[in-house]
Amino acid sequence: MNLIPHKRGDRELLLGVRPEHLEPCAEREAMLTVDIDLVEPLGSDTLVYGHLAHLGGGARVAVRLHQSVDARTGHLSVRYDAARAHYFDPQSGQRLAS
């Protein structure tokens, strides 16, 4: 699971999204922009590893894509269904109710 620093109101949280729940999209629809570090073709899937430089700390993320998606170095705009997002307390690691 990707754990991404996230702020809800004045509270610091971790946003958790599984790699298979991130999907490529147009830049204007992006919820996150991944700076790609490594592309790993695995046959039917491709794993893209990168970081979110716009968050300052450069949170590490992985995205699982269908083999038909042409992933290359550079930037990858992704979105996710908010119903598949999970939130965690950064100190305790406990999952929080949405």
Protein backbone atom coordinates (compact mmCIF):
# COMPACT_ATOMS: atom_id res chain seq x y z
CA MET A 1 0.00 0.00 0.00
CA ASN A 2 1.20 3.49 -0.81
CA LEU A 3 1.22 5.72 2.28
CA ILE A 4 1.15 9.37 1.29
CA PRO A 5 1.24 12.34 3.68
CA HIS A 6 -2.14 14.04 3.57
CA LYS A 7 -3.77 16.89 5.44
CA ARG A 8 -7.47 16.83 6.33
CA GLY A 9 -8.43 20.15 7.90
CA ASP A 10 -5.62 20.84 10.36
CA ARG A 11 -4.85 17.14 10.98
CA GLU A 12 -1.85 15.36 9.46
CA LEU A 13 -2.74 11.87 8.16
CA LEU A 14 -1.42 9.19 5.86
CA LEU A 15 -3.48 8.44 2.77
CA GLY A 16 -3.31 4.78 1.79
CA VAL A 17 -4.03 3.69 -1.78
CA ARG A 18 -3.12 0.30 -3.25
CA PRO A 19 -1.01 0.32 -6.45
CA GLU A 20 -3.81 -1.39 -8.41
CA HIS A 21 -6.28 1.35 -7.43
CA LEU A 22 -4.26 4.13 -9.04
CA GLU A 23 -5.12 4.66 -12.69
CA PRO A 24 -3.55 6.88 -15.33
CA CYS A 25 -5.54 9.92 -16.38
CA ALA A 26 -5.31 13.28 -18.10
CA GLU A 27 -3.20 15.85 -16.26
CA ARG A 28 -6.26 18.01 -15.50
CA GLU A 29 -7.98 15.03 -13.77
CA ALA A 30 -4.92 14.01 -11.73
CA MET A 31 -5.18 13.58 -7.99
CA LEU A 32 -1.44 12.77 -7.84
CA THR A 33 1.49 13.25 -10.20
CA VAL A 34 4.17 10.59 -9.97
CA ASP A 35 7.76 11.37 -10.99
CA ILE A 36 8.75 7.98 -12.46
CA ASP A 37 11.99 6.40 -11.23
CA LEU A 38 11.63 2.83 -12.55
CA VAL A 39 9.33 0.95 -14.93
CA GLU A 40 9.15 -2.83 -14.41
CA PRO A 41 7.30 -4.78 -17.14
CA LEU A 42 5.91 -8.04 -15.67
CA GLY A 43 4.02 -9.51 -18.61
CA SER A 44 0.32 -8.78 -18.12
CA ASP A 45 1.07 -5.87 -15.75
CA THR A 46 3.67 -3.15 -15.43
CA LEU A 47 4.79 -1.75 -12.10
CA VAL A 48 5.81 1.88 -12.06
CA TYR A 49 7.83 3.10 -9.08
CA GLY A 50 8.30 6.77 -8.39
CA HIS A 51 7.93 9.60 -5.94
CA LEU A 52 5.68 12.58 -5.34
CA ALA A 53 8.16 15.46 -5.49
CA HIS A 54 5.43 18.07 -5.01
CA LEU A 55 5.00 16.87 -1.41
CA GLY A 56 8.46 18.06 -0.40
CA GLY A 57 9.48 14.78 1.21
CA GLY A 58 9.07 12.94 -2.06
CA ALA A 59 6.75 10.16 -0.80
CA ARG A 60 7.48 6.88 -2.61
CA VAL A 61 4.65 5.29 -4.60
CA ALA A 62 4.00 2.27 -6.80
CA VAL A 63 1.38 2.09 -9.55
CA ARG A 64 0.24 -1.16 -11.18
CA LEU A 65 -0.73 -0.65 -14.82
CA HIS A 66 -2.07 -2.92 -17.54
CA GLN A 67 0.61 -3.93 -20.03
CA SER A 68 -1.08 -1.85 -22.75
CA VAL A 69 -0.24 1.41 -20.93
CA ASP A 70 2.99 2.86 -22.29
CA ALA A 71 4.81 3.97 -19.13
CA ARG A 72 8.15 5.74 -19.52
CA THR A 73 10.37 7.92 -17.43
CA GLY A 74 8.96 11.35 -16.72
CA HIS A 75 5.64 12.11 -15.06
CA LEU A 76 2.53 9.97 -14.68
CA SER A 77 -0.80 11.60 -13.79
CA VAL A 78 -3.01 9.28 -11.74
CA ARG A 79 -6.36 9.32 -10.00
CA TYR A 80 -8.15 6.97 -7.62
CA ASP A 81 -11.68 6.27 -6.47
CA ALA A 82 -12.08 8.00 -3.09
CA ALA A 83 -14.05 4.97 -1.86
CA ARG A 84 -10.84 2.93 -2.15
CA ALA A 85 -8.76 5.37 -0.12
CA HIS A 86 -7.82 4.59 3.48
CA TYR A 87 -6.58 7.00 6.13
CA PHE A 88 -4.12 6.24 8.90
CA ASP A 89 -2.79 8.01 11.97
CA PRO A 90 0.92 8.67 11.26
CA GLN A 91 1.97 8.11 14.90
CA SER A 92 0.06 4.94 15.80
CA GLY A 93 -0.44 3.49 12.30
CA GLN A 94 -4.06 2.81 13.18
CA ARG A 95 -6.61 2.99 10.37
CA LEU A 96 -9.11 5.80 10.82
CA ALA A 97 -12.78 5.76 9.90
CA SER A 98 -13.40 7.65 6.67
